[in-house]
């Protein structure tokens, strides 16, 4: 029986629309152009950063982020805050927690994302990031960390994310139950693939998870 529900961050809890829009402005292209390139990267199973390098082939991502911070030290840049939460997050997490499930947030995020998530005071029992753990998805070590903080066997965990490659398939390989969220470009594309059948749940929003959890009992 599922005891803990663990949530990815980007395009699961957090909309990345404003982040990518600011990147488009930083690189001097329209929002439409960069969003289209990101969709192409999702379809081709290429990383997010490749979309930025298509716009600027000589881009050094670390150097550009450092320059951006110098140019706009107090601005939001490529970071998120409570204004980027999807509308269903607080109510859905509260309902899942009230039903007796442990709620954990754990995703591939930099250390600063931990502070941003903590500041939101979300209805979660704990928050974790890949940078904080020193291991990232889809590595097996990440999901071993998830099981350790949940304090239960992997079979007692439902991992929720928007991607097959980073979320559903490696979590299932670790022995966890999985939910694929049809949200964001990766979520919609991956839900249409045959491999999506590997997920225990395919959901259109977070409100669909609690009824699915009851069925998984």
C-alpha atoms as a PDB file:
ATOM      1  CA  UNK A   1       0.000   0.000   0.000  1.00  0.00           C
ATOM      2  CA  UNK A   2       1.246   3.481  -0.821  1.00  0.00           C
ATOM      3  CA  UNK A   3       2.399   5.400   2.251  1.00  0.00           C
ATOM      4  CA  UNK A   4       4.231   8.359   0.699  1.00  0.00           C
ATOM      5  CA  UNK A   5       3.628  10.532  -2.355  1.00  0.00           C
ATOM      6  CA  UNK A   6       6.765  12.201  -3.719  1.00  0.00           C
ATOM      7  CA  UNK A   7       6.547  15.103  -6.157  1.00  0.00           C
ATOM      8  CA  UNK A   8       8.937  16.328  -8.819  1.00  0.00           C
ATOM      9  CA  UNK A   9       9.225  20.138  -9.016  1.00  0.00           C
ATOM     10  CA  UNK A  10       9.517  21.627 -12.513  1.00  0.00           C
ATOM     11  CA  UNK A  11       6.267  21.339 -14.501  1.00  0.00           C
ATOM     12  CA  UNK A  12       4.809  19.213 -11.711  1.00  0.00           C
ATOM     13  CA  UNK A  13       4.452  21.796  -8.949  1.00  0.00           C
ATOM     14  CA  UNK A  14       6.080  24.792 -10.638  1.00  0.00           C
ATOM     15  CA  UNK A  15       5.167  26.294 -14.008  1.00  0.00           C
ATOM     16  CA  UNK A  16       8.367  27.183 -15.826  1.00  0.00           C
ATOM     17  CA  UNK A  17       6.629  29.558 -18.247  1.00  0.00           C
ATOM     18  CA  UNK A  18       7.951  32.751 -16.674  1.00  0.00           C
ATOM     19  CA  UNK A  19      11.479  31.345 -16.367  1.00  0.00           C
ATOM     20  CA  UNK A  20      11.658  30.442 -20.067  1.00  0.00           C
ATOM     21  CA  UNK A  21      10.063  33.748 -21.036  1.00  0.00           C
ATOM     22  CA  UNK A  22      12.814  35.600 -19.179  1.00  0.00           C
ATOM     23  CA  UNK A  23      15.421  33.422 -20.915  1.00  0.00           C
ATOM     24  CA  UNK A  24      13.934  34.385 -24.292  1.00  0.00           C
ATOM     25  CA  UNK A  25      14.215  38.053 -23.391  1.00  0.00           C
ATOM     26  CA  UNK A  26      17.770  37.553 -22.156  1.00  0.00           C
ATOM     27  CA  UNK A  27      18.782  35.902 -25.432  1.00  0.00           C
ATOM     28  CA  UNK A  28      16.910  38.417 -27.573  1.00  0.00           C
ATOM     29  CA  UNK A  29      14.327  36.147 -29.212  1.00  0.00           C
ATOM     30  CA  UNK A  30      10.549  36.028 -28.942  1.00  0.00           C
ATOM     31  CA  UNK A  31       8.838  33.863 -26.348  1.00  0.00           C
ATOM     32  CA  UNK A  32       7.270  31.923 -29.222  1.00  0.00           C
ATOM     33  CA  UNK A  33      10.650  31.029 -30.705  1.00  0.00           C
ATOM     34  CA  UNK A  34      12.143  29.704 -27.474  1.00  0.00           C
ATOM     35  CA  UNK A  35       8.980  27.826 -26.474  1.00  0.00           C
ATOM     36  CA  UNK A  36       8.935  26.190 -29.901  1.00  0.00           C
ATOM     37  CA  UNK A  37      12.577  25.153 -29.561  1.00  0.00           C
ATOM     38  CA  UNK A  38      11.906  23.708 -26.117  1.00  0.00           C
ATOM     39  CA  UNK A  39       9.061  21.642 -27.571  1.00  0.00           C
ATOM     40  CA  UNK A  40      11.442  20.391 -30.230  1.00  0.00           C
ATOM     41  CA  UNK A  41      13.989  19.366 -27.607  1.00  0.00           C
ATOM     42  CA  UNK A  42      11.276  17.513 -25.700  1.00  0.00           C
ATOM     43  CA  UNK A  43      10.234  15.643 -28.844  1.00  0.00           C
ATOM     44  CA  UNK A  44      13.848  14.743 -29.647  1.00  0.00           C
ATOM     45  CA  UNK A  45      14.727  13.704 -26.074  1.00  0.00           C
ATOM     46  CA  UNK A  46      17.360  16.405 -25.872  1.00  0.00           C
ATOM     47  CA  UNK A  47      18.061  18.511 -22.743  1.00  0.00           C
ATOM     48  CA  UNK A  48      16.593  21.948 -22.070  1.00  0.00           C
ATOM     49  CA  UNK A  49      19.929  23.669 -22.490  1.00  0.00           C
ATOM     50  CA  UNK A  50      20.143  22.624 -26.145  1.00  0.00           C
ATOM     51  CA  UNK A  51      17.246  24.976 -26.930  1.00  0.00           C
ATOM     52  CA  UNK A  52      19.294  27.897 -25.580  1.00  0.00           C
ATOM     53  CA  UNK A  53      22.342  26.813 -27.590  1.00  0.00           C
ATOM     54  CA  UNK A  54      20.314  26.697 -30.784  1.00  0.00           C
ATOM     55  CA  UNK A  55      19.648  30.399 -30.266  1.00  0.00           C
ATOM     56  CA  UNK A  56      23.246  31.137 -29.281  1.00  0.00           C
ATOM     57  CA  UNK A  57      25.552  28.281 -30.372  1.00  0.00           C
ATOM     58  CA  UNK A  58      28.557  29.592 -28.418  1.00  0.00           C
ATOM     59  CA  UNK A  59      26.578  29.875 -25.191  1.00  0.00           C
ATOM     60  CA  UNK A  60      28.414  28.970 -21.985  1.00  0.00           C
ATOM     61  CA  UNK A  61      25.446  28.408 -19.690  1.00  0.00           C
ATOM     62  CA  UNK A  62      27.300  28.827 -16.398  1.00  0.00           C
ATOM     63  CA  UNK A  63      29.005  32.009 -17.594  1.00  0.00           C
ATOM     64  CA  UNK A  64      25.724  33.420 -18.894  1.00  0.00           C
ATOM     65  CA  UNK A  65      23.942  32.739 -15.597  1.00  0.00           C
ATOM     66  CA  UNK A  66      26.791  34.450 -13.718  1.00  0.00           C
ATOM     67  CA  UNK A  67      26.635  37.446 -16.069  1.00  0.00           C
ATOM     68  CA  UNK A  68      22.864  37.612 -15.673  1.00  0.00           C
ATOM     69  CA  UNK A  69      23.249  37.704 -11.901  1.00  0.00           C
ATOM     70  CA  UNK A  70      25.741  40.566 -12.175  1.00  0.00           C
ATOM     71  CA  UNK A  71      23.440  42.453 -14.547  1.00  0.00           C
ATOM     72  CA  UNK A  72      20.299  41.949 -12.474  1.00  0.00           C
ATOM     73  CA  UNK A  73      21.302  40.921  -8.934  1.00  0.00           C
ATOM     74  CA  UNK A  74      17.884  41.521  -7.381  1.00  0.00           C
ATOM     75  CA  UNK A  75      15.736  40.273 -10.262  1.00  0.00           C
ATOM     76  CA  UNK A  76      14.009  36.879 -10.621  1.00  0.00           C
ATOM     77  CA  UNK A  77      16.237  35.795 -13.552  1.00  0.00           C
ATOM     78  CA  UNK A  78      15.983  31.996 -14.019  1.00  0.00           C
ATOM     79  CA  UNK A  79      14.448  31.393 -10.602  1.00  0.00           C
ATOM     80  CA  UNK A  80      10.913  30.731  -9.397  1.00  0.00           C
ATOM     81  CA  UNK A  81       8.723  31.840  -6.508  1.00  0.00           C
ATOM     82  CA  UNK A  82       5.218  31.236  -5.181  1.00  0.00           C
ATOM     83  CA  UNK A  83       3.742  33.045  -8.175  1.00  0.00           C
ATOM     84  CA  UNK A  84       4.896  30.153 -10.365  1.00  0.00           C
ATOM     85  CA  UNK A  85       3.001  27.443  -8.462  1.00  0.00           C
ATOM     86  CA  UNK A  86       0.351  25.658 -10.479  1.00  0.00           C
ATOM     87  CA  UNK A  87      -3.113  26.531  -9.102  1.00  0.00           C
ATOM     88  CA  UNK A  88      -3.911  22.998  -7.923  1.00  0.00           C
ATOM     89  CA  UNK A  89      -0.768  22.469  -5.849  1.00  0.00           C
ATOM     90  CA  UNK A  90      -1.738  23.639  -2.364  1.00  0.00           C
ATOM     91  CA  UNK A  91      -5.221  22.116  -2.346  1.00  0.00           C
ATOM     92  CA  UNK A  92      -4.130  18.793  -3.842  1.00  0.00           C
ATOM     93  CA  UNK A  93      -1.129  18.347  -1.539  1.00  0.00           C
ATOM     94  CA  UNK A  94      -3.256  19.295   1.473  1.00  0.00           C
ATOM     95  CA  UNK A  95      -5.908  16.731   0.544  1.00  0.00           C
ATOM     96  CA  UNK A  96      -3.342  13.979   0.039  1.00  0.00           C
ATOM     97  CA  UNK A  97      -1.695  14.767   3.358  1.00  0.00           C
ATOM     98  CA  UNK A  98      -5.059  14.925   5.152  1.00  0.00           C
ATOM     99  CA  UNK A  99      -5.847  11.469   3.791  1.00  0.00           C
ATOM    100  CA  UNK A 100      -2.897  10.120   5.758  1.00  0.00           C
ATOM    101  CA  UNK A 101      -0.166  10.001   3.129  1.00  0.00           C
ATOM    102  CA  UNK A 102       3.288  11.438   3.687  1.00  0.00           C
ATOM    103  CA  UNK A 103       3.938  14.255   1.180  1.00  0.00           C
ATOM    104  CA  UNK A 104       7.525  14.803   0.003  1.00  0.00           C
ATOM    105  CA  UNK A 105       8.976  17.159  -2.608  1.00  0.00           C
ATOM    106  CA  UNK A 106      12.136  15.923  -4.350  1.00  0.00           C
ATOM    107  CA  UNK A 107      13.337  16.982  -7.783  1.00  0.00           C
ATOM    108  CA  UNK A 108      16.307  17.953  -9.909  1.00  0.00           C
ATOM    109  CA  UNK A 109      16.868  21.491  -8.682  1.00  0.00           C
ATOM    110  CA  UNK A 110      19.756  23.747  -7.621  1.00  0.00           C
ATOM    111  CA  UNK A 111      20.326  24.516  -3.957  1.00  0.00           C
ATOM    112  CA  UNK A 112      18.625  27.915  -4.187  1.00  0.00           C
ATOM    113  CA  UNK A 113      15.377  26.168  -5.186  1.00  0.00           C
ATOM    114  CA  UNK A 114      15.257  24.593  -1.728  1.00  0.00           C
ATOM    115  CA  UNK A 115      14.987  28.017  -0.101  1.00  0.00           C
ATOM    116  CA  UNK A 116      12.329  29.099  -2.597  1.00  0.00           C
ATOM    117  CA  UNK A 117      10.235  25.994  -1.930  1.00  0.00           C
ATOM    118  CA  UNK A 118      10.595  26.296   1.853  1.00  0.00           C
ATOM    119  CA  UNK A 119       9.515  29.949   1.669  1.00  0.00           C
ATOM    120  CA  UNK A 120       6.246  28.856   0.016  1.00  0.00           C
ATOM    121  CA  UNK A 121       5.257  26.932   3.158  1.00  0.00           C
ATOM    122  CA  UNK A 122       3.719  24.124   1.122  1.00  0.00           C
ATOM    123  CA  UNK A 123       1.765  21.307   2.816  1.00  0.00           C
ATOM    124  CA  UNK A 124       4.687  18.868   2.614  1.00  0.00           C
ATOM    125  CA  UNK A 125       6.552  16.831   5.201  1.00  0.00           C
ATOM    126  CA  UNK A 126       9.959  17.511   3.657  1.00  0.00           C
ATOM    127  CA  UNK A 127      11.658  19.167   0.692  1.00  0.00           C
ATOM    128  CA  UNK A 128      14.785  17.929  -1.082  1.00  0.00           C
ATOM    129  CA  UNK A 129      16.826  18.870  -4.159  1.00  0.00           C
ATOM    130  CA  UNK A 130      19.311  16.984  -6.299  1.00  0.00           C
ATOM    131  CA  UNK A 131      22.042  19.521  -5.573  1.00  0.00           C
ATOM    132  CA  UNK A 132      21.420  19.104  -1.863  1.00  0.00           C
ATOM    133  CA  UNK A 133      21.722  15.342  -2.180  1.00  0.00           C
ATOM    134  CA  UNK A 134      24.626  15.379  -4.624  1.00  0.00           C
ATOM    135  CA  UNK A 135      22.817  13.020  -7.002  1.00  0.00           C
ATOM    136  CA  UNK A 136      20.271  13.695  -9.733  1.00  0.00           C
ATOM    137  CA  UNK A 137      17.547  11.872 -11.625  1.00  0.00           C
ATOM    138  CA  UNK A 138      17.508   9.504 -13.410  1.00  0.00           C
ATOM    139  CA  UNK A 139      20.347   7.987 -11.360  1.00  0.00           C
ATOM    140  CA  UNK A 140      19.326   5.132  -9.083  1.00  0.00           C
ATOM    141  CA  UNK A 141      21.013   6.892  -6.163  1.00  0.00           C
ATOM    142  CA  UNK A 142      18.446   9.685  -6.327  1.00  0.00           C
ATOM    143  CA  UNK A 143      15.582   7.249  -5.844  1.00  0.00           C
ATOM    144  CA  UNK A 144      17.470   5.485  -3.064  1.00  0.00           C
ATOM    145  CA  UNK A 145      17.557   8.873  -1.315  1.00  0.00           C
ATOM    146  CA  UNK A 146      13.811   9.241  -1.897  1.00  0.00           C
ATOM    147  CA  UNK A 147      13.151   5.893  -0.218  1.00  0.00           C
ATOM    148  CA  UNK A 148      15.449   6.785   2.675  1.00  0.00           C
ATOM    149  CA  UNK A 149      13.701  10.073   3.478  1.00  0.00           C
ATOM    150  CA  UNK A 150      10.268   8.456   3.061  1.00  0.00           C
ATOM    151  CA  UNK A 151      11.267   5.787   5.565  1.00  0.00           C
ATOM    152  CA  UNK A 152       9.408   3.001   3.788  1.00  0.00           C
ATOM    153  CA  UNK A 153       9.951   0.361   1.145  1.00  0.00           C
ATOM    154  CA  UNK A 154      10.029   1.623  -2.464  1.00  0.00           C
ATOM    155  CA  UNK A 155       6.745  -0.185  -3.168  1.00  0.00           C
ATOM    156  CA  UNK A 156       5.114   2.123  -0.620  1.00  0.00           C
ATOM    157  CA  UNK A 157       6.022   5.258  -2.604  1.00  0.00           C
ATOM    158  CA  UNK A 158       4.172   6.926  -5.478  1.00  0.00           C
ATOM    159  CA  UNK A 159       6.567   9.151  -7.436  1.00  0.00           C
ATOM    160  CA  UNK A 160       4.820  11.895  -9.421  1.00  0.00           C
ATOM    161  CA  UNK A 161       6.473  13.666 -12.352  1.00  0.00           C
ATOM    162  CA  UNK A 162       6.001  14.959 -15.879  1.00  0.00           C
ATOM    163  CA  UNK A 163       8.640  12.842 -17.645  1.00  0.00           C
ATOM    164  CA  UNK A 164       9.133   9.199 -18.526  1.00  0.00           C
ATOM    165  CA  UNK A 165      12.935   9.360 -18.689  1.00  0.00           C
ATOM    166  CA  UNK A 166      13.587  11.261 -15.476  1.00  0.00           C
ATOM    167  CA  UNK A 167      10.579  10.226 -13.382  1.00  0.00           C
ATOM    168  CA  UNK A 168       8.398   7.267 -14.328  1.00  0.00           C
ATOM    169  CA  UNK A 169      10.887   4.779 -15.735  1.00  0.00           C
ATOM    170  CA  UNK A 170      13.714   5.186 -13.186  1.00  0.00           C
ATOM    171  CA  UNK A 171      11.267   5.339 -10.262  1.00  0.00           C
ATOM    172  CA  UNK A 172       9.599   2.147 -11.478  1.00  0.00           C
ATOM    173  CA  UNK A 173      13.017   0.516 -11.866  1.00  0.00           C
ATOM    174  CA  UNK A 174      13.643   1.403  -8.214  1.00  0.00           C
ATOM    175  CA  UNK A 175      10.468  -0.486  -7.267  1.00  0.00           C
ATOM    176  CA  UNK A 176       8.180   2.528  -6.777  1.00  0.00           C
ATOM    177  CA  UNK A 177       4.673   3.169  -8.025  1.00  0.00           C
ATOM    178  CA  UNK A 178       4.530   6.014 -10.516  1.00  0.00           C
ATOM    179  CA  UNK A 179       2.241   8.765 -11.803  1.00  0.00           C
ATOM    180  CA  UNK A 180       2.852  10.593 -15.083  1.00  0.00           C
ATOM    181  CA  UNK A 181       1.427  14.099 -15.106  1.00  0.00           C
ATOM    182  CA  UNK A 182       0.218  15.487 -18.440  1.00  0.00           C
ATOM    183  CA  UNK A 183       1.628  18.935 -17.786  1.00  0.00           C
ATOM    184  CA  UNK A 184       4.270  20.937 -19.624  1.00  0.00           C
ATOM    185  CA  UNK A 185       5.713  19.948 -23.023  1.00  0.00           C
ATOM    186  CA  UNK A 186       7.444  16.804 -21.778  1.00  0.00           C
ATOM    187  CA  UNK A 187       4.329  15.653 -19.936  1.00  0.00           C
ATOM    188  CA  UNK A 188       2.025  15.868 -22.940  1.00  0.00           C
ATOM    189  CA  UNK A 189       4.541  14.308 -25.326  1.00  0.00           C
ATOM    190  CA  UNK A 190       5.529  11.499 -22.980  1.00  0.00           C
ATOM    191  CA  UNK A 191       1.943  10.624 -22.068  1.00  0.00           C
ATOM    192  CA  UNK A 192       1.343   9.908 -25.768  1.00  0.00           C
ATOM    193  CA  UNK A 193       4.184   7.380 -25.967  1.00  0.00           C
ATOM    194  CA  UNK A 194       3.679   3.612 -25.596  1.00  0.00           C
ATOM    195  CA  UNK A 195       6.061   3.642 -22.607  1.00  0.00           C
ATOM    196  CA  UNK A 196       3.490   5.669 -20.674  1.00  0.00           C
ATOM    197  CA  UNK A 197       1.741   2.362 -19.997  1.00  0.00           C
ATOM    198  CA  UNK A 198       4.521   1.715 -17.485  1.00  0.00           C
ATOM    199  CA  UNK A 199       2.998   4.360 -15.204  1.00  0.00           C
ATOM    200  CA  UNK A 200       0.486   3.221 -12.587  1.00  0.00           C
ATOM    201  CA  UNK A 201      -1.385   6.493 -13.088  1.00  0.00           C
ATOM    202  CA  UNK A 202      -1.564   9.027 -15.932  1.00  0.00           C
ATOM    203  CA  UNK A 203      -3.142  12.218 -14.567  1.00  0.00           C
ATOM    204  CA  UNK A 204      -4.268  15.507 -16.082  1.00  0.00           C
ATOM    205  CA  UNK A 205      -3.810  17.401 -12.808  1.00  0.00           C
ATOM    206  CA  UNK A 206      -2.843  16.874  -9.183  1.00  0.00           C
ATOM    207  CA  UNK A 207      -6.454  16.583  -8.039  1.00  0.00           C
ATOM    208  CA  UNK A 208      -6.656  13.245  -9.883  1.00  0.00           C
ATOM    209  CA  UNK A 209      -4.025  11.706  -7.616  1.00  0.00           C
ATOM    210  CA  UNK A 210      -6.079  11.156  -4.471  1.00  0.00           C
ATOM    211  CA  UNK A 211      -8.793   9.088  -6.222  1.00  0.00           C
ATOM    212  CA  UNK A 212      -5.982   7.178  -7.974  1.00  0.00           C
ATOM    213  CA  UNK A 213      -4.320   6.479  -4.623  1.00  0.00           C
ATOM    214  CA  UNK A 214      -7.551   5.024  -3.310  1.00  0.00           C
ATOM    215  CA  UNK A 215      -7.727   2.732  -6.351  1.00  0.00           C
ATOM    216  CA  UNK A 216      -4.119   1.645  -5.779  1.00  0.00           C
ATOM    217  CA  UNK A 217      -5.108   0.385  -2.325  1.00  0.00           C
END
